[in-house]
Amino acid sequence: MFEMLISYGPKLLDGAIMTLKLTFIAVAIALLLSLPLAMLRRSKKGLFQYPVRLYVSFFRGTPLLAQLFLVYYGSGQFRPELMEAGLWWFFRDPFYCALFTFALNSTAYQIEILRGALQAVPPGEVEAGVAMGMPPHLLYRKIILPHTYRIAFPALGNEIILMLKGGAIASVITLLDLMGQTRRAFSQTFDISVYVWAALIYLLITTLFVLVWRRIEHRLTRHLRLNIVSRPASSQADTRPATQQPSMQQTNTSVAAQPLQAKEATHVR
């Protein structure tokens, strides 16, 4: 088992670097595209909203493998047109086809993540910014976008992890990522332990990413934890006099009511 790691470890490492490169470039492109499309998705005008909804429905409702085949093998059907347009160099390369497909797929998921985060922005803060006379671009830069990405941060981390693991299908179009190098090593040795090492590498990458992402999230939401910690003390300080005051009023009213009851009793008699 360890002999396999010694023999094919450098190739697996090269494949892991290719996997990280493919995943993070695709996610970065998706981050740039998803925000304006999420704003169009929330638009009340059907001319802007419905094309984005159709795009999201297609890429979320079809398998990533089918999308990859459509781009890689389907582009060959339009080779003359692509050569005339000067784009054939892009679509004949498996890395660029995988990058193009993964970016489009991740964009569709990030649109829905950011759309939900935009809807969750506290309306009171937006109204306060409008009342202060903030122009729209400053309102988005200072209030809406910071809240949006802070709310969407955990879901974006999950999307990156899913894309990191789902990117293993890029090996079916001859891309030598981590899974591609693993399949090549297995075809040469027929040693199943190479898949064990590949799974451990995926696990190591995912675990390190989760730790880093949680650390960043911990720093971004630090002010929320401070508010939660300070809230019980202030609430107790406010509620203690309120709980004691009615008891004093009740004792005073009961003492004051005794002479009145005595007078009413003597009057009836």
Protein backbone atom coordinates (compact mmCIF):
# COMPACT_ATOMS: atom_id res chain seq x y z
CA MET A 1 0.00 0.00 0.00
CA PHE A 2 2.78 2.42 0.92
CA GLU A 3 4.76 1.30 -2.12
CA MET A 4 1.88 2.57 -4.24
CA LEU A 5 2.06 5.96 -2.52
CA ILE A 6 5.81 6.16 -3.08
CA SER A 7 5.49 5.24 -6.75
CA TYR A 8 2.46 7.34 -7.70
CA GLY A 9 2.44 9.97 -4.95
CA PRO A 10 3.96 12.75 -7.11
CA LYS A 11 1.39 12.14 -9.85
CA LEU A 12 -1.45 12.18 -7.33
CA LEU A 13 -0.07 15.43 -5.96
CA ASP A 14 -0.05 16.94 -9.46
CA GLY A 15 -3.64 15.80 -9.88
CA ALA A 16 -4.63 17.37 -6.56
CA ILE A 17 -3.10 20.69 -7.64
CA MET A 18 -5.06 20.48 -10.90
CA THR A 19 -8.27 19.79 -8.94
CA LEU A 20 -7.72 22.79 -6.66
CA LYS A 21 -6.88 25.02 -9.61
CA LEU A 22 -10.00 23.97 -11.52
CA THR A 23 -12.31 24.29 -8.52
CA PHE A 24 -11.24 27.65 -7.20
CA ILE A 25 -11.01 29.36 -10.60
CA ALA A 26 -14.51 28.13 -11.44
CA VAL A 27 -15.89 29.30 -8.10
CA ALA A 28 -14.17 32.69 -8.45
CA ILE A 29 -15.73 33.21 -11.88
CA ALA A 30 -19.10 32.17 -10.47
CA LEU A 31 -18.76 34.69 -7.64
CA LEU A 32 -18.31 37.49 -10.16
CA LEU A 33 -21.30 36.42 -12.25
CA SER A 34 -23.74 35.39 -9.53
CA LEU A 35 -24.29 38.74 -7.79
CA PRO A 36 -25.56 40.76 -10.79
CA LEU A 37 -27.61 37.78 -11.94
CA ALA A 38 -29.09 37.40 -8.45
CA MET A 39 -30.16 41.05 -8.58
CA LEU A 40 -31.79 40.42 -11.96
CA ARG A 41 -33.43 37.32 -10.48
CA ARG A 42 -35.10 39.54 -7.87
CA SER A 43 -36.19 42.08 -10.45
CA LYS A 44 -39.91 42.66 -10.82
CA LYS A 45 -39.55 42.95 -14.59
CA GLY A 46 -40.10 39.65 -16.36
CA LEU A 47 -37.70 40.64 -19.15
CA PHE A 48 -34.81 40.40 -16.67
CA GLN A 49 -36.18 37.81 -14.26
CA TYR A 50 -37.37 34.97 -16.50
CA PRO A 51 -34.14 34.37 -18.48
CA VAL A 52 -32.23 34.07 -15.20
CA ARG A 53 -34.86 31.72 -13.78
CA LEU A 54 -34.62 29.55 -16.89
CA TYR A 55 -30.82 29.48 -16.62
CA VAL A 56 -30.95 28.49 -12.94
CA SER A 57 -33.60 25.83 -13.55
CA PHE A 58 -31.56 24.22 -16.33
CA PHE A 59 -28.24 24.02 -14.51
CA ARG A 60 -29.77 22.99 -11.18
CA GLY A 61 -32.14 20.48 -12.75
CA THR A 62 -29.69 18.59 -14.97
CA PRO A 63 -26.69 16.45 -13.94
CA LEU A 64 -23.28 18.05 -13.99
CA LEU A 65 -21.95 15.12 -16.01
CA ALA A 66 -24.52 15.73 -18.75
CA GLN A 67 -23.59 19.41 -18.84
CA LEU A 68 -19.92 18.51 -19.16
CA PHE A 69 -20.62 16.14 -22.06
CA LEU A 70 -22.74 18.76 -23.81
CA VAL A 71 -19.91 21.28 -23.66
CA TYR A 72 -16.99 18.97 -24.44
CA TYR A 73 -18.50 16.63 -27.02
CA GLY A 74 -21.25 18.95 -28.24
CA SER A 75 -18.83 21.73 -29.14
CA GLY A 76 -17.22 19.40 -31.67
CA GLN A 77 -20.45 19.52 -33.67
CA PHE A 78 -19.88 23.23 -34.21
CA ARG A 79 -16.17 23.06 -34.97
CA PRO A 80 -16.28 25.08 -38.24
CA GLU A 81 -18.28 27.89 -36.61
CA LEU A 82 -16.01 27.91 -33.56
CA MET A 83 -12.90 27.99 -35.74
CA GLU A 84 -14.28 30.95 -37.66
CA ALA A 85 -15.03 32.73 -34.40
CA GLY A 86 -11.55 31.93 -33.07
CA LEU A 87 -12.90 29.92 -30.11
CA TRP A 88 -11.92 26.40 -31.09
CA TRP A 89 -8.69 26.59 -29.08
CA PHE A 90 -10.84 27.02 -25.99
CA PHE A 91 -13.38 24.24 -26.55
CA ARG A 92 -10.89 21.62 -27.73
CA ASP A 93 -9.04 21.75 -24.40
CA PRO A 94 -10.59 19.52 -21.69
CA PHE A 95 -9.43 21.86 -18.91
CA TYR A 96 -11.18 24.88 -20.39
CA CYS A 97 -14.33 22.87 -21.12
CA ALA A 98 -14.44 21.64 -17.53
CA LEU A 99 -13.74 25.14 -16.23
CA PHE A 100 -16.50 26.61 -18.41
CA THR A 101 -19.03 23.98 -17.31
CA PHE A 102 -18.20 24.15 -13.61
CA ALA A 103 -18.34 27.95 -13.62
CA LEU A 104 -21.80 27.94 -15.22
CA ASN A 105 -23.05 25.27 -12.82
CA SER A 106 -21.70 26.98 -9.72
CA THR A 107 -23.10 30.31 -10.87
CA ALA A 108 -26.61 28.84 -10.95
CA TYR A 109 -26.34 27.62 -7.36
CA GLN A 110 -24.73 30.82 -6.12
CA ILE A 111 -27.52 32.88 -7.68
CA GLU A 112 -30.05 31.16 -5.43
CA ILE A 113 -27.77 31.45 -2.40
CA LEU A 114 -27.30 35.19 -2.90
CA ARG A 115 -30.97 35.72 -3.74
CA GLY A 116 -31.97 34.27 -0.39
CA ALA A 117 -29.29 36.30 1.37
CA LEU A 118 -30.46 39.52 -0.29
CA GLN A 119 -33.99 38.85 0.90
CA ALA A 120 -32.71 38.26 4.45
CA VAL A 121 -31.03 41.67 4.76
CA PRO A 122 -32.78 43.57 7.60
CA PRO A 123 -35.12 46.08 5.94
CA GLY A 124 -34.75 48.49 8.84
CA GLU A 125 -31.09 49.08 8.07
CA VAL A 126 -31.86 49.67 4.40
CA GLU A 127 -34.58 52.16 5.35
CA ALA A 128 -32.16 53.89 7.72
CA GLY A 129 -29.64 54.26 4.90
CA VAL A 130 -32.29 55.69 2.60
CA ALA A 131 -33.40 58.10 5.33
CA MET A 132 -29.81 59.31 5.67
CA GLY A 133 -29.78 60.13 1.97
CA MET A 134 -27.39 57.42 0.80
CA PRO A 135 -27.27 57.00 -2.99
CA PRO A 136 -28.02 53.47 -4.28
CA HIS A 137 -24.38 52.54 -4.97
CA LEU A 138 -23.32 53.59 -1.47
CA LEU A 139 -26.31 51.80 0.05
CA TYR A 140 -25.28 48.57 -1.63
CA ARG A 141 -21.60 48.97 -0.78
CA LYS A 142 -22.04 49.90 2.88
CA ILE A 143 -25.19 48.04 3.96
CA ILE A 144 -26.69 45.53 1.54
CA LEU A 145 -23.64 43.71 0.18
CA PRO A 146 -21.83 43.26 3.53
CA HIS A 147 -24.99 41.79 5.05
CA THR A 148 -25.60 39.64 1.99
CA TYR A 149 -22.19 37.98 1.93
CA ARG A 150 -22.15 37.58 5.71
CA ILE A 151 -25.46 35.71 5.56
CA ALA A 152 -24.47 33.67 2.51
CA PHE A 153 -20.98 32.80 3.76
CA PRO A 154 -21.77 29.31 5.22
CA ALA A 155 -23.78 28.30 2.15
CA LEU A 156 -21.00 29.48 -0.16
CA GLY A 157 -18.57 27.28 1.75
CA ASN A 158 -20.81 24.27 1.20
CA GLU A 159 -21.01 25.10 -2.51
CA ILE A 160 -17.21 25.15 -2.79
CA ILE A 161 -16.95 21.77 -1.05
CA LEU A 162 -19.57 20.26 -3.35
CA MET A 163 -17.80 21.65 -6.39
CA LEU A 164 -14.47 20.31 -5.11
CA LYS A 165 -15.85 16.79 -4.82
CA GLY A 166 -18.09 17.00 -7.87
CA GLY A 167 -15.12 18.09 -9.96
CA ALA A 168 -13.92 14.48 -9.92
CA ILE A 169 -16.10 13.84 -12.98
CA ALA A 170 -13.72 15.98 -15.05
CA SER A 171 -11.57 12.88 -15.42
CA VAL A 172 -14.12 11.37 -17.84
CA ILE A 173 -13.07 13.91 -20.50
CA THR A 174 -9.39 12.91 -20.17
CA LEU A 175 -8.47 15.67 -17.72
CA LEU A 176 -5.69 14.49 -15.43
CA ASP A 177 -6.97 15.89 -12.16
CA LEU A 178 -6.72 13.90 -8.93
CA MET A 179 -9.29 11.33 -10.03
CA GLY A 180 -7.82 11.21 -13.54
CA GLN A 181 -4.36 10.40 -12.19
CA THR A 182 -5.93 7.83 -9.87
CA ARG A 183 -7.71 6.07 -12.74
CA ARG A 184 -4.51 6.02 -14.79
CA ALA A 185 -2.53 4.55 -11.89
CA PHE A 186 -5.19 1.88 -11.33
CA SER A 187 -5.23 0.93 -15.02
CA GLN A 188 -1.46 0.33 -14.83
CA THR A 189 -1.30 -1.53 -11.51
CA PHE A 190 -4.83 -2.79 -10.73
CA ASP A 191 -4.11 -1.94 -7.11
CA ILE A 192 -7.26 -0.73 -5.35
CA SER A 193 -5.21 1.04 -2.67
CA VAL A 194 -4.62 3.93 -5.08
CA TYR A 195 -8.31 4.85 -4.68
CA VAL A 196 -7.87 4.76 -0.91
CA TRP A 197 -5.04 7.27 -1.13
CA ALA A 198 -7.08 9.45 -3.48
CA ALA A 199 -9.99 9.43 -1.03
CA LEU A 200 -7.65 10.38 1.81
CA ILE A 201 -6.27 13.28 -0.23
CA TYR A 202 -9.81 14.51 -0.92
CA LEU A 203 -10.60 14.18 2.79
CA LEU A 204 -7.47 16.11 3.76
CA ILE A 205 -8.21 18.94 1.31
CA THR A 206 -11.83 19.19 2.44
CA THR A 207 -10.94 19.14 6.13
CA LEU A 208 -8.33 21.88 5.77
CA PHE A 209 -10.75 23.99 3.75
CA VAL A 210 -13.52 23.59 6.35
CA LEU A 211 -11.17 24.64 9.16
CA VAL A 212 -10.03 27.74 7.29
CA TRP A 213 -13.59 28.64 6.24
CA ARG A 214 -14.90 28.29 9.80
CA ARG A 215 -12.09 30.48 11.05
CA ILE A 216 -13.02 33.21 8.57
CA GLU A 217 -16.71 32.85 9.43
CA HIS A 218 -15.84 33.11 13.13
CA ARG A 219 -14.16 36.46 12.53
CA LEU A 220 -16.93 37.78 10.30
CA THR A 221 -19.68 37.01 12.83
CA ARG A 222 -17.79 38.12 15.93
CA HIS A 223 -20.06 41.13 16.51
CA LEU A 224 -23.14 38.89 16.49
CA ARG A 225 -21.77 36.75 19.32
CA LEU A 226 -20.90 39.86 21.33
CA ASN A 227 -24.50 41.06 21.02
CA ILE A 228 -25.84 37.69 22.13
CA VAL A 229 -23.54 37.59 25.16
CA SER A 230 -24.34 41.14 26.28
CA ARG A 231 -28.09 40.84 25.77
CA PRO A 232 -29.02 38.63 28.79
CA ALA A 233 -27.28 40.91 31.30
CA SER A 234 -29.09 44.00 30.09
CA SER A 235 -32.40 42.18 29.94
CA GLN A 236 -32.02 40.97 33.54
CA ALA A 237 -31.15 44.46 34.73
CA ASP A 238 -34.27 45.80 33.06
CA THR A 239 -36.64 43.10 34.21
CA ARG A 240 -35.74 42.92 37.91
CA PRO A 241 -37.24 46.29 38.92
CA ALA A 242 -40.26 45.52 36.77
CA THR A 243 -40.82 42.25 38.63
CA GLN A 244 -40.39 43.83 42.07
CA GLN A 245 -42.47 46.93 41.47
CA PRO A 246 -45.85 45.21 41.01
CA SER A 247 -45.40 43.35 44.31
CA MET A 248 -44.88 46.66 46.17
CA GLN A 249 -47.89 48.16 44.47
CA GLN A 250 -49.97 45.16 45.40
CA THR A 251 -49.00 45.46 49.09
CA ASN A 252 -49.78 49.19 49.08
CA THR A 253 -53.14 48.70 47.44
CA SER A 254 -54.04 45.89 49.82
CA VAL A 255 -53.22 48.05 52.86
CA ALA A 256 -55.12 51.00 51.45
CA ALA A 257 -58.08 48.82 50.63
CA GLN A 258 -58.57 47.59 54.21
CA PRO A 259 -60.04 50.87 55.63
CA LEU A 260 -62.30 51.17 52.59
CA GLN A 261 -63.61 47.67 53.11
CA ALA A 262 -64.19 48.41 56.81
CA LYS A 263 -66.11 51.60 56.01
CA GLU A 264 -68.26 49.78 53.46
CA ALA A 265 -68.98 47.06 56.00
CA THR A 266 -70.07 49.53 58.73
CA HIS A 267 -72.21 51.40 56.20
CA VAL A 268 -74.01 48.21 55.21
CA ARG A 269 -74.62 47.29 58.78
